[in-house]
Protein backbone atom coordinates (compact mmCIF):
# COMPACT_ATOMS: atom_id res chain seq x y z
CA UNK A 1 0.00 0.00 0.00
CA UNK A 2 1.42 3.38 -1.00
CA UNK A 3 1.45 6.20 1.54
CA UNK A 4 -0.09 9.58 0.76
CA UNK A 5 2.54 12.04 -0.42
CA UNK A 6 3.19 15.07 1.77
CA UNK A 7 4.02 18.62 0.75
CA UNK A 8 6.26 21.15 2.51
CA UNK A 9 3.36 22.76 4.44
CA UNK A 10 2.71 19.34 6.03
CA UNK A 11 6.14 19.44 7.71
CA UNK A 12 7.25 21.25 10.86
CA UNK A 13 10.69 22.75 11.49
CA UNK A 14 13.21 19.97 12.04
CA UNK A 15 11.28 17.33 10.09
CA UNK A 16 13.16 15.24 7.55
CA UNK A 17 11.59 14.02 4.33
CA UNK A 18 12.53 12.45 1.02
CA UNK A 19 11.49 13.75 -2.38
CA UNK A 20 9.29 11.04 -3.88
CA UNK A 21 8.25 12.73 -7.11
CA UNK A 22 7.13 15.97 -8.71
CA UNK A 23 3.41 16.52 -9.15
CA UNK A 24 4.10 18.53 -12.28
CA UNK A 25 7.13 19.49 -14.31
CA UNK A 26 7.25 23.20 -15.04
CA UNK A 27 10.02 25.82 -15.06
CA UNK A 28 10.24 25.86 -11.27
CA UNK A 29 10.39 22.06 -11.03
CA UNK A 30 13.08 21.95 -13.71
CA UNK A 31 15.11 24.54 -11.77
CA UNK A 32 14.78 22.54 -8.53
CA UNK A 33 15.88 19.37 -10.32
CA UNK A 34 18.90 21.19 -11.78
CA UNK A 35 19.82 22.28 -8.24
CA UNK A 36 19.94 18.62 -7.21
CA UNK A 37 16.50 18.29 -5.63
CA UNK A 38 15.82 15.04 -7.46
CA UNK A 39 13.56 12.16 -6.39
CA UNK A 40 15.26 10.25 -3.58
CA UNK A 41 16.93 13.35 -2.13
CA UNK A 42 16.55 13.82 1.63
CA UNK A 43 15.63 17.28 2.88
CA UNK A 44 15.29 18.91 6.30
CA UNK A 45 12.92 21.79 6.96
CA UNK A 46 15.18 24.33 8.71
CA UNK A 47 13.16 27.52 9.01
CA UNK A 48 9.67 28.78 8.43
CA UNK A 49 8.92 32.50 8.10
CA UNK A 50 6.21 33.89 10.43
CA UNK A 51 3.51 33.70 7.76
CA UNK A 52 4.93 30.58 6.09
CA UNK A 53 6.57 32.36 3.16
CA UNK A 54 9.38 31.51 2.50
CA UNK A 55 10.53 28.20 3.94
CA UNK A 56 14.17 27.17 4.19
CA UNK A 57 15.21 23.61 3.42
CA UNK A 58 18.59 21.90 3.72
CA UNK A 59 19.71 19.25 1.24
CA UNK A 60 22.97 18.03 -0.27
CA UNK A 61 24.98 20.34 1.99
CA UNK A 62 23.30 23.64 1.24
CA UNK A 63 20.22 25.62 2.21
CA UNK A 64 17.53 26.90 -0.13
CA UNK A 65 14.66 29.29 0.55
CA UNK A 66 11.47 28.53 -1.35
CA UNK A 67 8.08 30.14 -1.55
CA UNK A 68 5.18 27.77 -0.97
CA UNK A 69 3.99 28.10 -4.57
CA UNK A 70 7.49 27.12 -5.75
CA UNK A 71 7.57 24.09 -3.47
CA UNK A 72 4.00 22.99 -4.30
CA UNK A 73 5.27 20.66 -7.04
CA UNK A 74 7.25 18.54 -4.53
CA UNK A 75 5.76 15.28 -3.28
CA UNK A 76 7.48 14.17 -0.08
CA UNK A 77 7.66 11.17 2.24
CA UNK A 78 8.46 11.75 5.93
CA UNK A 79 11.61 10.01 7.18
PDB file of N, CA and C in Angstrom:
ATOM      1  N   UNK A   1       0.841  -1.172   0.000  1.00  0.00           N
ATOM      2  CA  UNK A   1       0.000   0.000   0.000  1.00  0.00           C
ATOM      3  C   UNK A   1       0.895   1.247   0.000  1.00  0.00           C
ATOM      4  N   UNK A   2       0.623   2.166  -0.890  1.00  0.00           N
ATOM      5  CA  UNK A   2       1.419   3.384  -1.003  1.00  0.00           C
ATOM      6  C   UNK A   2       0.889   4.457  -0.059  1.00  0.00           C
ATOM      7  N   UNK A   3       1.827   5.119   0.637  1.00  0.00           N
ATOM      8  CA  UNK A   3       1.451   6.200   1.536  1.00  0.00           C
ATOM      9  C   UNK A   3       1.089   7.450   0.751  1.00  0.00           C
ATOM     10  N   UNK A   4       0.248   8.306   1.385  1.00  0.00           N
ATOM     11  CA  UNK A   4      -0.086   9.580   0.755  1.00  0.00           C
ATOM     12  C   UNK A   4       1.148  10.466   0.772  1.00  0.00           C
ATOM     13  N   UNK A   5       1.399  11.128  -0.339  1.00  0.00           N
ATOM     14  CA  UNK A   5       2.539  12.038  -0.423  1.00  0.00           C
ATOM     15  C   UNK A   5       2.245  13.300   0.379  1.00  0.00           C
ATOM     16  N   UNK A   6       3.286  13.823   1.010  1.00  0.00           N
ATOM     17  CA  UNK A   6       3.190  15.068   1.766  1.00  0.00           C
ATOM     18  C   UNK A   6       3.707  16.208   0.908  1.00  0.00           C
ATOM     19  N   UNK A   7       3.431  17.428   1.353  1.00  0.00           N
ATOM     20  CA  UNK A   7       4.017  18.618   0.751  1.00  0.00           C
ATOM     21  C   UNK A   7       4.738  19.382   1.853  1.00  0.00           C
ATOM     22  N   UNK A   8       5.505  20.394   1.503  1.00  0.00           N
ATOM     23  CA  UNK A   8       6.257  21.149   2.512  1.00  0.00           C
ATOM     24  C   UNK A   8       5.383  21.714   3.625  1.00  0.00           C
ATOM     25  N   UNK A   9       4.188  22.245   3.338  1.00  0.00           N
ATOM     26  CA  UNK A   9       3.362  22.762   4.439  1.00  0.00           C
ATOM     27  C   UNK A   9       2.940  21.702   5.461  1.00  0.00           C
ATOM     28  N   UNK A  10       3.056  20.414   5.100  1.00  0.00           N
ATOM     29  CA  UNK A  10       2.713  19.335   6.032  1.00  0.00           C
ATOM     30  C   UNK A  10       3.819  19.083   7.055  1.00  0.00           C
ATOM     31  N   UNK A  11       5.002  19.649   6.832  1.00  0.00           N
ATOM     32  CA  UNK A  11       6.144  19.436   7.713  1.00  0.00           C
ATOM     33  C   UNK A  11       6.251  20.546   8.745  1.00  0.00           C
ATOM     34  N   UNK A  12       6.930  20.239   9.863  1.00  0.00           N
ATOM     35  CA  UNK A  12       7.253  21.253  10.855  1.00  0.00           C
ATOM     36  C   UNK A  12       8.772  21.383  10.916  1.00  0.00           C
ATOM     37  N   UNK A  13       9.254  22.493  11.441  1.00  0.00           N
ATOM     38  CA  UNK A  13      10.689  22.749  11.494  1.00  0.00           C
ATOM     39  C   UNK A  13      11.394  21.577  12.178  1.00  0.00           C
ATOM     40  N   UNK A  14      12.442  21.103  11.529  1.00  0.00           N
ATOM     41  CA  UNK A  14      13.207  19.970  12.041  1.00  0.00           C
ATOM     42  C   UNK A  14      12.843  18.647  11.396  1.00  0.00           C
ATOM     43  N   UNK A  15      11.686  18.575  10.745  1.00  0.00           N
ATOM     44  CA  UNK A  15      11.275  17.330  10.085  1.00  0.00           C
ATOM     45  C   UNK A  15      12.189  17.020   8.909  1.00  0.00           C
ATOM     46  N   UNK A  16      12.405  15.727   8.707  1.00  0.00           N
ATOM     47  CA  UNK A  16      13.156  15.241   7.549  1.00  0.00           C
ATOM     48  C   UNK A  16      12.192  14.527   6.620  1.00  0.00           C
ATOM     49  N   UNK A  17      12.441  14.665   5.337  1.00  0.00           N
ATOM     50  CA  UNK A  17      11.593  14.023   4.334  1.00  0.00           C
ATOM     51  C   UNK A  17      12.442  13.677   3.116  1.00  0.00           C
ATOM     52  N   UNK A  18      11.880  12.846   2.274  1.00  0.00           N
ATOM     53  CA  UNK A  18      12.531  12.452   1.023  1.00  0.00           C
ATOM     54  C   UNK A  18      11.625  12.874  -0.127  1.00  0.00           C
ATOM     55  N   UNK A  19      12.244  13.403  -1.177  1.00  0.00           N
ATOM     56  CA  UNK A  19      11.486  13.755  -2.383  1.00  0.00           C
ATOM     57  C   UNK A  19      11.096  12.452  -3.065  1.00  0.00           C
ATOM     58  N   UNK A  20       9.792  12.249  -3.231  1.00  0.00           N
ATOM     59  CA  UNK A  20       9.289  11.045  -3.878  1.00  0.00           C
ATOM     60  C   UNK A  20       9.116  11.281  -5.372  1.00  0.00           C
ATOM     61  N   UNK A  21       8.542  12.423  -5.708  1.00  0.00           N
ATOM     62  CA  UNK A  21       8.252  12.735  -7.107  1.00  0.00           C
ATOM     63  C   UNK A  21       7.907  14.217  -7.223  1.00  0.00           C
ATOM     64  N   UNK A  22       7.649  14.631  -8.425  1.00  0.00           N
ATOM     65  CA  UNK A  22       7.132  15.970  -8.708  1.00  0.00           C
ATOM     66  C   UNK A  22       5.715  15.806  -9.233  1.00  0.00           C
ATOM     67  N   UNK A  23       4.797  16.612  -8.719  1.00  0.00           N
ATOM     68  CA  UNK A  23       3.406  16.517  -9.153  1.00  0.00           C
ATOM     69  C   UNK A  23       3.215  17.095 -10.546  1.00  0.00           C
ATOM     70  N   UNK A  24       4.116  17.975 -10.932  1.00  0.00           N
ATOM     71  CA  UNK A  24       4.098  18.532 -12.282  1.00  0.00           C
ATOM     72  C   UNK A  24       5.520  18.970 -12.611  1.00  0.00           C
ATOM     73  N   UNK A  25       5.819  19.022 -13.883  1.00  0.00           N
ATOM     74  CA  UNK A  25       7.127  19.492 -14.312  1.00  0.00           C
ATOM     75  C   UNK A  25       6.915  20.798 -15.066  1.00  0.00           C
ATOM     76  N   UNK A  26       7.318  21.884 -14.422  1.00  0.00           N
ATOM     77  CA  UNK A  26       7.251  23.204 -15.036  1.00  0.00           C
ATOM     78  C   UNK A  26       8.617  23.852 -14.888  1.00  0.00           C
ATOM     79  N   UNK A  27       8.723  25.144 -15.161  1.00  0.00           N
ATOM     80  CA  UNK A  27      10.024  25.820 -15.065  1.00  0.00           C
ATOM     81  C   UNK A  27      10.607  25.743 -13.663  1.00  0.00           C
ATOM     82  N   UNK A  28       9.761  25.905 -12.656  1.00  0.00           N
ATOM     83  CA  UNK A  28      10.244  25.859 -11.275  1.00  0.00           C
ATOM     84  C   UNK A  28      10.742  24.461 -10.933  1.00  0.00           C
ATOM     85  N   UNK A  29       9.974  23.444 -11.287  1.00  0.00           N
ATOM     86  CA  UNK A  29      10.387  22.061 -11.027  1.00  0.00           C
ATOM     87  C   UNK A  29      11.700  21.752 -11.741  1.00  0.00           C
ATOM     88  N   UNK A  30      11.842  22.189 -12.973  1.00  0.00           N
ATOM     89  CA  UNK A  30      13.082  21.952 -13.710  1.00  0.00           C
ATOM     90  C   UNK A  30      14.262  22.632 -13.023  1.00  0.00           C
ATOM     91  N   UNK A  31      14.045  23.832 -12.480  1.00  0.00           N
ATOM     92  CA  UNK A  31      15.113  24.541 -11.774  1.00  0.00           C
ATOM     93  C   UNK A  31      15.504  23.789 -10.503  1.00  0.00           C
ATOM     94  N   UNK A  32      14.498  23.292  -9.755  1.00  0.00           N
ATOM     95  CA  UNK A  32      14.780  22.540  -8.531  1.00  0.00           C
ATOM     96  C   UNK A  32      15.549  21.256  -8.842  1.00  0.00           C
ATOM     97  N   UNK A  33      15.168  20.589  -9.907  1.00  0.00           N
ATOM     98  CA  UNK A  33      15.878  19.371 -10.320  1.00  0.00           C
ATOM     99  C   UNK A  33      17.323  19.701 -10.683  1.00  0.00           C
ATOM    100  N   UNK A  34      17.527  20.815 -11.398  1.00  0.00           N
ATOM    101  CA  UNK A  34      18.898  21.187 -11.785  1.00  0.00           C
ATOM    102  C   UNK A  34      19.749  21.569 -10.573  1.00  0.00           C
ATOM    103  N   UNK A  35      19.103  21.984  -9.476  1.00  0.00           N
ATOM    104  CA  UNK A  35      19.822  22.284  -8.241  1.00  0.00           C
ATOM    105  C   UNK A  35      20.143  21.028  -7.435  1.00  0.00           C
ATOM    106  N   UNK A  36      19.651  19.874  -7.886  1.00  0.00           N
ATOM    107  CA  UNK A  36      19.935  18.619  -7.205  1.00  0.00           C
ATOM    108  C   UNK A  36      18.801  18.091  -6.359  1.00  0.00           C
ATOM    109  N   UNK A  37      17.658  18.727  -6.411  1.00  0.00           N
ATOM    110  CA  UNK A  37      16.504  18.286  -5.628  1.00  0.00           C
ATOM    111  C   UNK A  37      15.728  17.244  -6.450  1.00  0.00           C
ATOM    112  N   UNK A  38      16.364  16.104  -6.636  1.00  0.00           N
ATOM    113  CA  UNK A  38      15.822  15.036  -7.462  1.00  0.00           C
ATOM    114  C   UNK A  38      15.089  14.013  -6.585  1.00  0.00           C
ATOM    115  N   UNK A  39      14.213  13.205  -7.181  1.00  0.00           N
ATOM    116  CA  UNK A  39      13.560  12.156  -6.391  1.00  0.00           C
ATOM    117  C   UNK A  39      14.601  11.285  -5.690  1.00  0.00           C
ATOM    118  N   UNK A  40      14.341  11.012  -4.412  1.00  0.00           N
ATOM    119  CA  UNK A  40      15.260  10.250  -3.583  1.00  0.00           C
ATOM    120  C   UNK A  40      16.112  11.126  -2.675  1.00  0.00           C
ATOM    121  N   UNK A  41      16.137  12.426  -2.928  1.00  0.00           N
ATOM    122  CA  UNK A  41      16.933  13.353  -2.131  1.00  0.00           C
ATOM    123  C   UNK A  41      16.265  13.585  -0.779  1.00  0.00           C
ATOM    124  N   UNK A  42      17.054  13.532   0.287  1.00  0.00           N
ATOM    125  CA  UNK A  42      16.550  13.822   1.632  1.00  0.00           C
ATOM    126  C   UNK A  42      16.655  15.318   1.892  1.00  0.00           C
ATOM    127  N   UNK A  43      15.627  15.870   2.521  1.00  0.00           N
ATOM    128  CA  UNK A  43      15.630  17.283   2.883  1.00  0.00           C
ATOM    129  C   UNK A  43      15.284  17.416   4.366  1.00  0.00           C
ATOM    130  N   UNK A  44      15.668  18.551   4.942  1.00  0.00           N
ATOM    131  CA  UNK A  44      15.289  18.911   6.303  1.00  0.00           C
ATOM    132  C   UNK A  44      14.687  20.300   6.253  1.00  0.00           C
ATOM    133  N   UNK A  45      13.530  20.467   6.875  1.00  0.00           N
ATOM    134  CA  UNK A  45      12.920  21.792   6.964  1.00  0.00           C
ATOM    135  C   UNK A  45      13.624  22.544   8.082  1.00  0.00           C
ATOM    136  N   UNK A  46      14.358  23.595   7.747  1.00  0.00           N
ATOM    137  CA  UNK A  46      15.181  24.327   8.709  1.00  0.00           C
ATOM    138  C   UNK A  46      14.472  25.524   9.326  1.00  0.00           C
ATOM    139  N   UNK A  47      13.814  26.312   8.509  1.00  0.00           N
ATOM    140  CA  UNK A  47      13.165  27.520   9.009  1.00  0.00           C
ATOM    141  C   UNK A  47      11.858  27.754   8.273  1.00  0.00           C
ATOM    142  N   UNK A  48      10.973  28.425   8.979  1.00  0.00           N
ATOM    143  CA  UNK A  48       9.673  28.781   8.428  1.00  0.00           C
ATOM    144  C   UNK A  48       9.413  30.236   8.806  1.00  0.00           C
ATOM    145  N   UNK A  49       9.196  31.092   7.827  1.00  0.00           N
ATOM    146  CA  UNK A  49       8.923  32.503   8.103  1.00  0.00           C
ATOM    147  C   UNK A  49       7.614  32.626   8.877  1.00  0.00           C
ATOM    148  N   UNK A  50       7.409  33.733   9.582  1.00  0.00           N
ATOM    149  CA  UNK A  50       6.212  33.887  10.426  1.00  0.00           C
ATOM    150  C   UNK A  50       4.882  33.589   9.724  1.00  0.00           C
ATOM    151  N   UNK A  51       4.760  33.969   8.472  1.00  0.00           N
ATOM    152  CA  UNK A  51       3.515  33.698   7.761  1.00  0.00           C
ATOM    153  C   UNK A  51       3.664  32.551   6.763  1.00  0.00           C
ATOM    154  N   UNK A  52       4.734  31.763   6.917  1.00  0.00           N
ATOM    155  CA  UNK A  52       4.935  30.578   6.092  1.00  0.00           C
ATOM    156  C   UNK A  52       5.555  30.827   4.734  1.00  0.00           C
ATOM    157  N   UNK A  53       6.012  32.030   4.469  1.00  0.00           N
ATOM    158  CA  UNK A  53       6.572  32.356   3.163  1.00  0.00           C
ATOM    159  C   UNK A  53       7.792  33.235   3.352  1.00  0.00           C
ATOM    160  N   UNK A  54       8.971  32.779   3.088  1.00  0.00           N
ATOM    161  CA  UNK A  54       9.383  31.507   2.503  1.00  0.00           C
ATOM    162  C   UNK A  54       9.707  30.456   3.566  1.00  0.00           C
ATOM    163  N   UNK A  55      10.039  29.276   3.082  1.00  0.00           N
ATOM    164  CA  UNK A  55      10.532  28.202   3.936  1.00  0.00           C
ATOM    165  C   UNK A  55      11.981  27.950   3.537  1.00  0.00           C
ATOM    166  N   UNK A  56      12.773  27.480   4.485  1.00  0.00           N
ATOM    167  CA  UNK A  56      14.172  27.169   4.194  1.00  0.00           C
ATOM    168  C   UNK A  56      14.381  25.685   4.383  1.00  0.00           C
ATOM    169  N   UNK A  57      14.915  25.043   3.342  1.00  0.00           N
ATOM    170  CA  UNK A  57      15.209  23.611   3.417  1.00  0.00           C
ATOM    171  C   UNK A  57      16.706  23.406   3.275  1.00  0.00           C
ATOM    172  N   UNK A  58      17.176  22.280   3.801  1.00  0.00           N
ATOM    173  CA  UNK A  58      18.585  21.897   3.718  1.00  0.00           C
ATOM    174  C   UNK A  58      18.662  20.564   2.992  1.00  0.00           C
ATOM    175  N   UNK A  59      19.493  20.502   1.959  1.00  0.00           N
ATOM    176  CA  UNK A  59      19.707  19.247   1.240  1.00  0.00           C
ATOM    177  C   UNK A  59      21.051  19.304   0.532  1.00  0.00           C
ATOM    178  N   UNK A  60      21.692  18.161   0.419  1.00  0.00           N
ATOM    179  CA  UNK A  60      22.975  18.029  -0.274  1.00  0.00           C
ATOM    180  C   UNK A  60      24.006  19.077   0.165  1.00  0.00           C
ATOM    181  N   UNK A  61      23.965  19.451   1.451  1.00  0.00           N
ATOM    182  CA  UNK A  61      24.975  20.335   1.991  1.00  0.00           C
ATOM    183  C   UNK A  61      24.723  21.825   1.838  1.00  0.00           C
ATOM    184  N   UNK A  62      23.579  22.206   1.295  1.00  0.00           N
ATOM    185  CA  UNK A  62      23.299  23.637   1.242  1.00  0.00           C
ATOM    186  C   UNK A  62      21.844  23.915   1.584  1.00  0.00           C
ATOM    187  N   UNK A  63      21.556  25.191   1.825  1.00  0.00           N
ATOM    188  CA  UNK A  63      20.215  25.625   2.211  1.00  0.00           C
ATOM    189  C   UNK A  63      19.587  26.402   1.070  1.00  0.00           C
ATOM    190  N   UNK A  64      18.280  26.251   0.939  1.00  0.00           N
ATOM    191  CA  UNK A  64      17.535  26.901  -0.130  1.00  0.00           C
ATOM    192  C   UNK A  64      16.231  27.445   0.433  1.00  0.00           C
ATOM    193  N   UNK A  65      15.934  28.690   0.142  1.00  0.00           N
ATOM    194  CA  UNK A  65      14.662  29.291   0.550  1.00  0.00           C
ATOM    195  C   UNK A  65      13.695  29.192  -0.626  1.00  0.00           C
ATOM    196  N   UNK A  66      12.498  28.709  -0.325  1.00  0.00           N
ATOM    197  CA  UNK A  66      11.466  28.527  -1.348  1.00  0.00           C
ATOM    198  C   UNK A  66      10.163  29.167  -0.898  1.00  0.00           C
ATOM    199  N   UNK A  67       9.446  29.694  -1.834  1.00  0.00           N
ATOM    200  CA  UNK A  67       8.083  30.143  -1.551  1.00  0.00           C
ATOM    201  C   UNK A  67       7.171  28.925  -1.662  1.00  0.00           C
ATOM    202  N   UNK A  68       6.076  28.923  -0.918  1.00  0.00           N
ATOM    203  CA  UNK A  68       5.179  27.768  -0.970  1.00  0.00           C
ATOM    204  C   UNK A  68       4.710  27.415  -2.380  1.00  0.00           C
ATOM    205  N   UNK A  69       4.447  28.410  -3.206  1.00  0.00           N
ATOM    206  CA  UNK A  69       3.990  28.103  -4.568  1.00  0.00           C
ATOM    207  C   UNK A  69       5.102  27.458  -5.396  1.00  0.00           C
ATOM    208  N   UNK A  70       6.368  27.758  -5.059  1.00  0.00           N
ATOM    209  CA  UNK A  70       7.489  27.125  -5.754  1.00  0.00           C
ATOM    210  C   UNK A  70       7.665  25.686  -5.298  1.00  0.00           C
ATOM    211  N   UNK A  71       7.385  25.424  -4.037  1.00  0.00           N
ATOM    212  CA  UNK A  71       7.566  24.086  -3.471  1.00  0.00           C
ATOM    213  C   UNK A  71       6.340  23.195  -3.658  1.00  0.00           C
ATOM    214  N   UNK A  72       5.261  23.747  -4.178  1.00  0.00           N
ATOM    215  CA  UNK A  72       4.002  22.989  -4.301  1.00  0.00           C
ATOM    216  C   UNK A  72       4.134  21.774  -5.219  1.00  0.00           C
ATOM    217  N   UNK A  73       5.112  21.774  -6.103  1.00  0.00           N
ATOM    218  CA  UNK A  73       5.268  20.659  -7.042  1.00  0.00           C
ATOM    219  C   UNK A  73       5.977  19.457  -6.405  1.00  0.00           C
ATOM    220  N   UNK A  74       6.527  19.626  -5.205  1.00  0.00           N
ATOM    221  CA  UNK A  74       7.245  18.537  -4.531  1.00  0.00           C
ATOM    222  C   UNK A  74       6.285  17.584  -3.828  1.00  0.00           C
ATOM    223  N   UNK A  75       6.466  16.300  -4.033  1.00  0.00           N
ATOM    224  CA  UNK A  75       5.757  15.278  -3.278  1.00  0.00           C
ATOM    225  C   UNK A  75       6.788  14.629  -2.371  1.00  0.00           C
ATOM    226  N   UNK A  76       6.504  14.610  -1.074  1.00  0.00           N
ATOM    227  CA  UNK A  76       7.477  14.168  -0.077  1.00  0.00           C
ATOM    228  C   UNK A  76       6.981  12.966   0.719  1.00  0.00           C
ATOM    229  N   UNK A  77       7.936  12.272   1.332  1.00  0.00           N
ATOM    230  CA  UNK A  77       7.656  11.166   2.240  1.00  0.00           C
ATOM    231  C   UNK A  77       8.453  11.435   3.519  1.00  0.00           C
ATOM    232  N   UNK A  78       7.780  11.468   4.659  1.00  0.00           N
ATOM    233  CA  UNK A  78       8.462  11.748   5.925  1.00  0.00           C
ATOM    234  C   UNK A  78       9.433  10.628   6.259  1.00  0.00           C
ATOM    235  N   UNK A  79      10.594  10.999   6.766  1.00  0.00           N
ATOM    236  CA  UNK A  79      11.609  10.008   7.179  1.00  0.00           C
ATOM    237  C   UNK A  79      11.564   9.806   8.674  1.00  0.00           C
TER     238      UNK A  79
END
